[in-house]
C-alpha atoms as a PDB file:
ATOM      1  CA  MET A   1     135.613 104.283 156.463  1.00  0.00           C
ATOM      2  CA  LYS A   2     134.003 105.996 153.481  1.00  0.00           C
ATOM      3  CA  PRO A   3     130.318 105.470 152.682  1.00  0.00           C
ATOM      4  CA  ALA A   4     129.696 103.220 149.644  1.00  0.00           C
ATOM      5  CA  LEU A   5     128.804 105.053 146.464  1.00  0.00           C
ATOM      6  CA  PRO A   6     126.247 103.681 144.015  1.00  0.00           C
ATOM      7  CA  GLY A   7     127.992 101.272 141.642  1.00  0.00           C
ATOM      8  CA  ALA A   8     131.009 100.835 143.919  1.00  0.00           C
ATOM      9  CA  THR A   9     132.066  98.115 146.284  1.00  0.00           C
ATOM     10  CA  ALA A  10     132.811  98.753 149.919  1.00  0.00           C
ATOM     11  CA  ALA A  11     136.511  99.043 149.053  1.00  0.00           C
ATOM     12  CA  GLY A  12     135.720 101.952 146.687  1.00  0.00           C
ATOM     13  CA  ARG A  13     136.321 100.110 143.407  1.00  0.00           C
ATOM     14  CA  PRO A  14     133.696 100.290 140.628  1.00  0.00           C
ATOM     15  CA  ASN A  15     131.439  97.264 140.300  1.00  0.00           C
ATOM     16  CA  LEU A  16     132.311  96.021 136.796  1.00  0.00           C
ATOM     17  CA  GLY A  17     130.439  92.717 137.039  1.00  0.00           C
ATOM     18  CA  THR A  18     127.249  93.818 135.266  1.00  0.00           C
ATOM     19  CA  ASN A  19     128.860  96.505 133.100  1.00  0.00           C
ATOM     20  CA  ARG A  20     131.243  93.965 131.576  1.00  0.00           C
ATOM     21  CA  TYR A  21     128.331  92.235 129.741  1.00  0.00           C
ATOM     22  CA  LEU A  22     126.225  95.287 128.965  1.00  0.00           C
ATOM     23  CA  LEU A  23     128.404  96.729 126.171  1.00  0.00           C
ATOM     24  CA  PRO A  24     128.746  93.471 124.186  1.00  0.00           C
ATOM     25  CA  ILE A  25     124.989  92.872 124.428  1.00  0.00           C
ATOM     26  CA  LEU A  26     124.261  96.383 123.176  1.00  0.00           C
ATOM     27  CA  MET A  27     126.750  95.940 120.320  1.00  0.00           C
ATOM     28  CA  VAL A  28     125.116  92.652 119.234  1.00  0.00           C
ATOM     29  CA  LEU A  29     121.652  94.247 119.320  1.00  0.00           C
ATOM     30  CA  LEU A  30     122.868  97.229 117.297  1.00  0.00           C
ATOM     31  CA  LEU A  31     124.555  94.978 114.741  1.00  0.00           C
ATOM     32  CA  PHE A  32     121.393  92.844 114.431  1.00  0.00           C
ATOM     33  CA  ALA A  33     119.230  95.939 113.835  1.00  0.00           C
ATOM     34  CA  LEU A  34     121.667  97.259 111.237  1.00  0.00           C
ATOM     35  CA  VAL A  35     121.853  93.972 109.308  1.00  0.00           C
ATOM     36  CA  ARG A  36     118.095  93.547 109.423  1.00  0.00           C
ATOM     37  CA  GLY A  37     117.564  97.072 108.117  1.00  0.00           C
ATOM     38  CA  LEU A  38     120.020  96.583 105.274  1.00  0.00           C
ATOM     39  CA  PHE A  39     118.903  93.165 104.092  1.00  0.00           C
ATOM     40  CA  SER A  40     115.185  93.028 104.879  1.00  0.00           C
ATOM     41  CA  HIS A  41     112.557  93.712 102.239  1.00  0.00           C
ATOM     42  CA  HIS A  42     111.797  97.380 101.582  1.00  0.00           C
ATOM     43  CA  GLU A  43     108.414  98.117 100.044  1.00  0.00           C
ATOM     44  CA  THR A  44     108.623  99.462  96.482  1.00  0.00           C
ATOM     45  CA  ARG A  45     106.455 102.296  95.201  1.00  0.00           C
ATOM     46  CA  GLU A  46     104.274  99.834  93.297  1.00  0.00           C
ATOM     47  CA  GLU A  47     103.876  97.617  96.372  1.00  0.00           C
ATOM     48  CA  ALA A  48     102.849 100.656  98.413  1.00  0.00           C
ATOM     49  CA  ILE A  49     100.212 101.585  95.821  1.00  0.00           C
ATOM     50  CA  ALA A  50      98.969  97.974  95.717  1.00  0.00           C
ATOM     51  CA  ARG A  51      98.716  97.946  99.539  1.00  0.00           C
ATOM     52  CA  GLN A  52      96.838 101.247  99.662  1.00  0.00           C
ATOM     53  CA  LEU A  53      94.516 100.218  96.823  1.00  0.00           C
ATOM     54  CA  THR A  54      93.765  96.861  98.478  1.00  0.00           C
ATOM     55  CA  LEU A  55      93.035  98.566 101.797  1.00  0.00           C
ATOM     56  CA  ALA A  56      90.753 101.088 100.070  1.00  0.00           C
ATOM     57  CA  LEU A  57      88.875  98.238  98.394  1.00  0.00           C
ATOM     58  CA  GLN A  58      88.671  96.298 101.657  1.00  0.00           C
ATOM     59  CA  ASN A  59      87.257  99.388 103.384  1.00  0.00           C
ATOM     60  CA  ASN A  60      84.692  99.826 100.577  1.00  0.00           C
ATOM     61  CA  ASP A  61      86.032 103.364 100.043  1.00  0.00           C
ATOM     62  CA  LEU A  62      85.137 104.405  96.494  1.00  0.00           C
ATOM     63  CA  ALA A  63      86.721 107.866  96.814  1.00  0.00           C
ATOM     64  CA  ALA A  64      90.070 106.382  97.919  1.00  0.00           C
ATOM     65  CA  VAL A  65      90.012 103.859  95.056  1.00  0.00           C
ATOM     66  CA  GLU A  66      89.282 106.623  92.523  1.00  0.00           C
ATOM     67  CA  ARG A  67      92.422 108.519  93.659  1.00  0.00           C
ATOM     68  CA  PHE A  68      94.556 105.703  92.202  1.00  0.00           C
ATOM     69  CA  GLN A  69      92.753 105.610  88.841  1.00  0.00           C
ATOM     70  CA  ASN A  70      93.737 107.597  85.775  1.00  0.00           C
ATOM     71  CA  ALA A  71      91.130 109.713  83.983  1.00  0.00           C
ATOM     72  CA  GLU A  72      90.242 106.971  81.491  1.00  0.00           C
ATOM     73  CA  THR A  73      89.622 104.172  83.966  1.00  0.00           C
ATOM     74  CA  ALA A  74      88.053 106.256  86.730  1.00  0.00           C
ATOM     75  CA  THR A  75      84.711 106.024  84.917  1.00  0.00           C
ATOM     76  CA  GLU A  76      84.849 102.197  85.090  1.00  0.00           C
ATOM     77  CA  VAL A  77      85.170 102.149  88.873  1.00  0.00           C
ATOM     78  CA  ASN A  78      81.811 102.307  90.584  1.00  0.00           C
ATOM     79  CA  ARG A  79      80.187 101.387  93.891  1.00  0.00           C
ATOM     80  CA  ALA A  80      79.336  97.843  92.659  1.00  0.00           C
ATOM     81  CA  VAL A  81      82.925  97.047  91.644  1.00  0.00           C
ATOM     82  CA  VAL A  82      84.320  98.329  94.944  1.00  0.00           C
ATOM     83  CA  GLY A  83      81.574  96.545  96.905  1.00  0.00           C
ATOM     84  CA  ARG A  84      82.350  93.177  95.290  1.00  0.00           C
ATOM     85  CA  ALA A  85      86.043  93.588  96.097  1.00  0.00           C
ATOM     86  CA  ALA A  86      85.178  94.546  99.683  1.00  0.00           C
ATOM     87  CA  ASP A  87      83.020  91.421  99.986  1.00  0.00           C
ATOM     88  CA  THR A  88      86.042  89.375  98.874  1.00  0.00           C
ATOM     89  CA  PHE A  89      88.720  91.106 100.984  1.00  0.00           C
ATOM     90  CA  VAL A  90      86.918  91.805 104.296  1.00  0.00           C
ATOM     91  CA  PRO A  91      86.623  88.131 105.398  1.00  0.00           C
ATOM     92  CA  LEU A  92      90.386  87.711 104.883  1.00  0.00           C
ATOM     93  CA  GLY A  93      91.234  90.007 107.798  1.00  0.00           C
ATOM     94  CA  LYS A  94      94.173  92.391 108.130  1.00  0.00           C
ATOM     95  CA  VAL A  95      96.689  92.855 105.312  1.00  0.00           C
ATOM     96  CA  ASP A  96     100.026  91.438 106.467  1.00  0.00           C
ATOM     97  CA  ALA A  97     102.227  91.908 103.397  1.00  0.00           C
ATOM     98  CA  VAL A  98     102.204  92.931  99.748  1.00  0.00           C
ATOM     99  CA  ARG A  99     105.031  91.519  97.647  1.00  0.00           C
ATOM    100  CA  GLU A 100     105.687  91.866  93.956  1.00  0.00           C
ATOM    101  CA  THR A 101     106.164  88.363  92.570  1.00  0.00           C
ATOM    102  CA  GLN A 102     108.103  89.236  89.443  1.00  0.00           C
ATOM    103  CA  PRO A 103     109.352  92.488  87.954  1.00  0.00           C
ATOM    104  CA  PRO A 104     107.527  93.612  84.830  1.00  0.00           C
ATOM    105  CA  ALA A 105     109.059  92.436  81.572  1.00  0.00           C
ATOM    106  CA  GLY A 106     109.282  95.735  79.731  1.00  0.00           C
ATOM    107  CA  GLY A 107     105.683  96.726  80.482  1.00  0.00           C
ATOM    108  CA  GLN A 108     103.840  98.417  83.262  1.00  0.00           C
ATOM    109  CA  THR A 109     101.934  95.308  84.397  1.00  0.00           C
ATOM    110  CA  HIS A 110     102.914  94.185  87.891  1.00  0.00           C
ATOM    111  CA  GLN A 111     102.030  90.962  89.722  1.00  0.00           C
ATOM    112  CA  PHE A 112     101.531  90.953  93.502  1.00  0.00           C
ATOM    113  CA  VAL A 113     100.743  88.469  96.242  1.00  0.00           C
ATOM    114  CA  VAL A 114      98.777  90.065  99.057  1.00  0.00           C
ATOM    115  CA  THR A 115      98.942  88.118 102.304  1.00  0.00           C
ATOM    116  CA  PHE A 116      96.066  88.581 104.740  1.00  0.00           C
ATOM    117  CA  ASP A 117      95.495  87.059 108.188  1.00  0.00           C
ATOM    118  CA  LYS A 118      93.264  84.354 106.719  1.00  0.00           C
ATOM    119  CA  GLY A 119      94.461  83.917 103.152  1.00  0.00           C
ATOM    120  CA  THR A 120      96.297  85.241 100.114  1.00  0.00           C
ATOM    121  CA  VAL A 121      95.205  86.957  96.912  1.00  0.00           C
ATOM    122  CA  HIS A 122      97.089  87.308  93.640  1.00  0.00           C
ATOM    123  CA  GLU A 123      96.638  90.784  92.104  1.00  0.00           C
ATOM    124  CA  THR A 124      97.580  92.105  88.676  1.00  0.00           C
ATOM    125  CA  ILE A 125      97.887  95.875  88.339  1.00  0.00           C
ATOM    126  CA  LYS A 126      98.747  97.788  85.188  1.00  0.00           C
ATOM    127  CA  PHE A 127     100.143 101.285  85.729  1.00  0.00           C
ATOM    128  CA  ASP A 128     100.410 104.211  83.357  1.00  0.00           C
ATOM    129  CA  PRO A 129     103.634 106.286  83.223  1.00  0.00           C
ATOM    130  CA  ASP A 130     102.293 108.505  86.040  1.00  0.00           C
ATOM    131  CA  ASP A 131     101.826 105.473  88.361  1.00  0.00           C
ATOM    132  CA  LYS A 132      98.040 105.640  88.020  1.00  0.00           C
ATOM    133  CA  VAL A 133      96.119 102.366  87.769  1.00  0.00           C
ATOM    134  CA  VAL A 134      94.767 101.582  84.301  1.00  0.00           C
ATOM    135  CA  GLY A 135      93.971  97.933  84.995  1.00  0.00           C
ATOM    136  CA  PHE A 136      93.301  95.933  88.138  1.00  0.00           C
ATOM    137  CA  ARG A 137      92.426  92.268  88.487  1.00  0.00           C
ATOM    138  CA  TYR A 138      92.513  89.862  91.407  1.00  0.00           C
ATOM    139  CA  ASP A 139      92.142  86.108  91.636  1.00  0.00           C
ATOM    140  CA  GLN A 140      89.889  84.378  94.141  1.00  0.00           C
ATOM    141  CA  PRO A 141      91.501  84.154  97.583  1.00  0.00           C
ATOM    142  CA  THR A 142      93.430  81.122  98.726  1.00  0.00           C
ATOM    143  CA  PRO A 143      92.610  80.425 102.380  1.00  0.00           C
ATOM    144  CA  ARG A 144      95.416  79.784 104.843  1.00  0.00           C
END
């Protein structure tokens, strides 16, 4: 009598009981990941800038906020403006999502809803042709 090999029965045949279900499960998981990747929301360039700008404001980081400003508006951004925004955004917790609510109608003004752990904020950002911020406004937060 031959010794049993791993994955074989005593009669020498492969044990197909568990392998029979493994391939279909892997195929379903792969298909799910593919469909999710194709049809889920992908962050736009403007949404990425809005996220980074919001995080910089929340962190009270004046230098990071100034990187997003164009030369004209950089002089309007100061420690007080960034501090007030930080006071508004910090209590809201972590940023979960930034979504553009409507595409701009021929202009460079974009509307966003920023979802935090503890609330949401509506932001309006106007970009110049180089994707630098020339105008930024946010509404008071709506708690969750």
